[in-house]
Amino acid sequence: MTRLSRDDVVKAVNRADDVTIAQIIGTGATADILSELDEDEDDGVEPGSAP
């Protein structure tokens, strides 16, 4: 499992400020998890809605 870098977060969350980036990295999530979440966002389904 690969630890998140600032570049990983910026790639997934375009307009995040430094504090938000630090909080995301601080969750302990991996680059793999972040990329999965980014892919899920691209599916056109709003979070919390039925597919």
N, C-alpha and C. Protein backbone atom coordinates (compact mmCIF):
# COMPACT_ATOMS: atom_id res chain seq x y z
N MET A 1 0.84 -1.17 0.00
CA MET A 1 0.00 0.00 0.00
C MET A 1 0.89 1.24 0.00
N THR A 2 0.50 2.18 -0.82
CA THR A 2 1.28 3.39 -0.98
C THR A 2 0.67 4.53 -0.17
N ARG A 3 1.51 5.21 0.59
CA ARG A 3 1.03 6.36 1.36
C ARG A 3 0.71 7.50 0.42
N LEU A 4 -0.22 8.33 0.83
CA LEU A 4 -0.60 9.49 0.03
C LEU A 4 0.47 10.56 0.04
N SER A 5 0.66 11.18 -1.10
CA SER A 5 1.52 12.35 -1.18
C SER A 5 0.63 13.55 -1.47
N ARG A 6 1.18 14.72 -1.32
CA ARG A 6 0.44 15.94 -1.64
C ARG A 6 0.00 15.91 -3.10
N ASP A 7 0.87 15.43 -3.98
CA ASP A 7 0.54 15.36 -5.41
C ASP A 7 -0.64 14.43 -5.67
N ASP A 8 -0.72 13.31 -4.94
CA ASP A 8 -1.85 12.39 -5.10
C ASP A 8 -3.16 13.09 -4.77
N VAL A 9 -3.16 13.84 -3.67
CA VAL A 9 -4.38 14.52 -3.24
C VAL A 9 -4.75 15.63 -4.22
N VAL A 10 -3.78 16.41 -4.65
CA VAL A 10 -4.06 17.51 -5.58
C VAL A 10 -4.61 16.97 -6.89
N LYS A 11 -4.11 15.82 -7.33
CA LYS A 11 -4.60 15.22 -8.56
C LYS A 11 -6.07 14.82 -8.44
N ALA A 12 -6.48 14.34 -7.27
CA ALA A 12 -7.85 13.89 -7.06
C ALA A 12 -8.80 15.02 -6.66
N VAL A 13 -8.27 16.02 -5.95
CA VAL A 13 -9.10 17.12 -5.45
C VAL A 13 -8.46 18.42 -5.94
N ASN A 14 -8.92 18.89 -7.06
CA ASN A 14 -8.27 20.02 -7.73
C ASN A 14 -8.08 21.26 -6.88
N ARG A 15 -9.09 21.70 -6.21
CA ARG A 15 -9.04 23.01 -5.54
C ARG A 15 -8.96 22.90 -4.02
N ALA A 16 -8.17 21.98 -3.54
CA ALA A 16 -8.05 21.82 -2.09
C ALA A 16 -6.96 22.74 -1.56
N ASP A 17 -7.24 23.34 -0.40
CA ASP A 17 -6.21 24.17 0.24
C ASP A 17 -5.27 23.28 1.06
N ASP A 18 -4.20 23.86 1.56
CA ASP A 18 -3.18 23.09 2.27
C ASP A 18 -3.72 22.37 3.50
N VAL A 19 -4.64 23.00 4.22
CA VAL A 19 -5.20 22.38 5.42
C VAL A 19 -6.02 21.15 5.04
N THR A 20 -6.84 21.28 4.00
CA THR A 20 -7.66 20.15 3.55
C THR A 20 -6.77 19.01 3.07
N ILE A 21 -5.73 19.34 2.32
CA ILE A 21 -4.81 18.32 1.84
C ILE A 21 -4.17 17.59 3.02
N ALA A 22 -3.73 18.35 4.02
CA ALA A 22 -3.13 17.74 5.21
C ALA A 22 -4.13 16.85 5.94
N GLN A 23 -5.38 17.27 6.03
CA GLN A 23 -6.40 16.45 6.69
C GLN A 23 -6.65 15.15 5.94
N ILE A 24 -6.68 15.22 4.62
CA ILE A 24 -6.89 14.01 3.82
C ILE A 24 -5.71 13.06 4.01
N ILE A 25 -4.50 13.58 3.95
CA ILE A 25 -3.32 12.74 4.16
C ILE A 25 -3.34 12.15 5.58
N GLY A 26 -3.79 12.95 6.54
CA GLY A 26 -3.84 12.52 7.93
C GLY A 26 -4.84 11.42 8.22
N THR A 27 -5.77 11.16 7.31
CA THR A 27 -6.73 10.08 7.53
C THR A 27 -6.09 8.71 7.48
N GLY A 28 -4.89 8.65 6.87
CA GLY A 28 -4.23 7.36 6.73
C GLY A 28 -4.66 6.61 5.48
N ALA A 29 -5.49 7.24 4.67
CA ALA A 29 -5.91 6.61 3.42
C ALA A 29 -4.70 6.39 2.53
N THR A 30 -4.81 5.42 1.65
CA THR A 30 -3.72 5.14 0.72
C THR A 30 -4.03 5.76 -0.64
N ALA A 31 -3.04 5.83 -1.48
CA ALA A 31 -3.23 6.35 -2.84
C ALA A 31 -4.23 5.48 -3.60
N ASP A 32 -4.23 4.18 -3.33
CA ASP A 32 -5.17 3.27 -3.99
C ASP A 32 -6.61 3.61 -3.62
N ILE A 33 -6.86 3.86 -2.35
CA ILE A 33 -8.21 4.20 -1.89
C ILE A 33 -8.65 5.53 -2.50
N LEU A 34 -7.77 6.49 -2.51
CA LEU A 34 -8.11 7.80 -3.06
C LEU A 34 -8.45 7.69 -4.54
N SER A 35 -7.70 6.89 -5.28
CA SER A 35 -7.99 6.74 -6.70
C SER A 35 -9.32 6.01 -6.91
N GLU A 36 -9.65 5.06 -6.03
CA GLU A 36 -10.96 4.40 -6.12
C GLU A 36 -12.09 5.39 -5.88
N LEU A 37 -11.92 6.26 -4.90
CA LEU A 37 -12.95 7.26 -4.63
C LEU A 37 -13.09 8.23 -5.79
N ASP A 38 -11.98 8.59 -6.40
CA ASP A 38 -12.01 9.48 -7.54
C ASP A 38 -12.73 8.82 -8.71
N GLU A 39 -12.52 7.52 -8.93
CA GLU A 39 -13.21 6.78 -9.99
C GLU A 39 -14.70 6.71 -9.71
N ASP A 40 -15.09 6.49 -8.46
CA ASP A 40 -16.50 6.42 -8.09
C ASP A 40 -17.20 7.74 -8.38
N GLU A 41 -16.50 8.85 -8.18
CA GLU A 41 -17.08 10.16 -8.42
C GLU A 41 -17.39 10.35 -9.90
N ASP A 42 -16.62 9.72 -10.76
CA ASP A 42 -16.80 9.87 -12.20
C ASP A 42 -17.94 9.05 -12.75
N ASP A 43 -18.62 8.24 -11.92
CA ASP A 43 -19.67 7.37 -12.45
C ASP A 43 -20.99 8.10 -12.69
N GLY A 44 -21.07 9.37 -12.33
CA GLY A 44 -22.27 10.17 -12.60
C GLY A 44 -23.37 10.01 -11.57
N VAL A 45 -23.14 9.21 -10.54
CA VAL A 45 -24.13 8.99 -9.51
C VAL A 45 -23.77 9.88 -8.31
N GLU A 46 -24.72 10.64 -7.84
CA GLU A 46 -24.48 11.49 -6.69
C GLU A 46 -24.32 10.62 -5.45
N PRO A 47 -23.36 10.97 -4.58
CA PRO A 47 -23.20 10.20 -3.34
C PRO A 47 -24.49 10.19 -2.54
N GLY A 48 -24.84 9.03 -2.04
CA GLY A 48 -26.03 8.90 -1.21
C GLY A 48 -27.30 8.68 -2.01
N SER A 49 -27.23 8.72 -3.34
CA SER A 49 -28.43 8.49 -4.14
C SER A 49 -28.43 7.08 -4.66
N ALA A 50 -29.60 6.59 -4.99
CA ALA A 50 -29.71 5.25 -5.55
C ALA A 50 -29.17 5.25 -6.97
N PRO A 51 -28.43 4.21 -7.35
CA PRO A 51 -27.88 4.14 -8.72
C PRO A 51 -28.95 3.99 -9.76
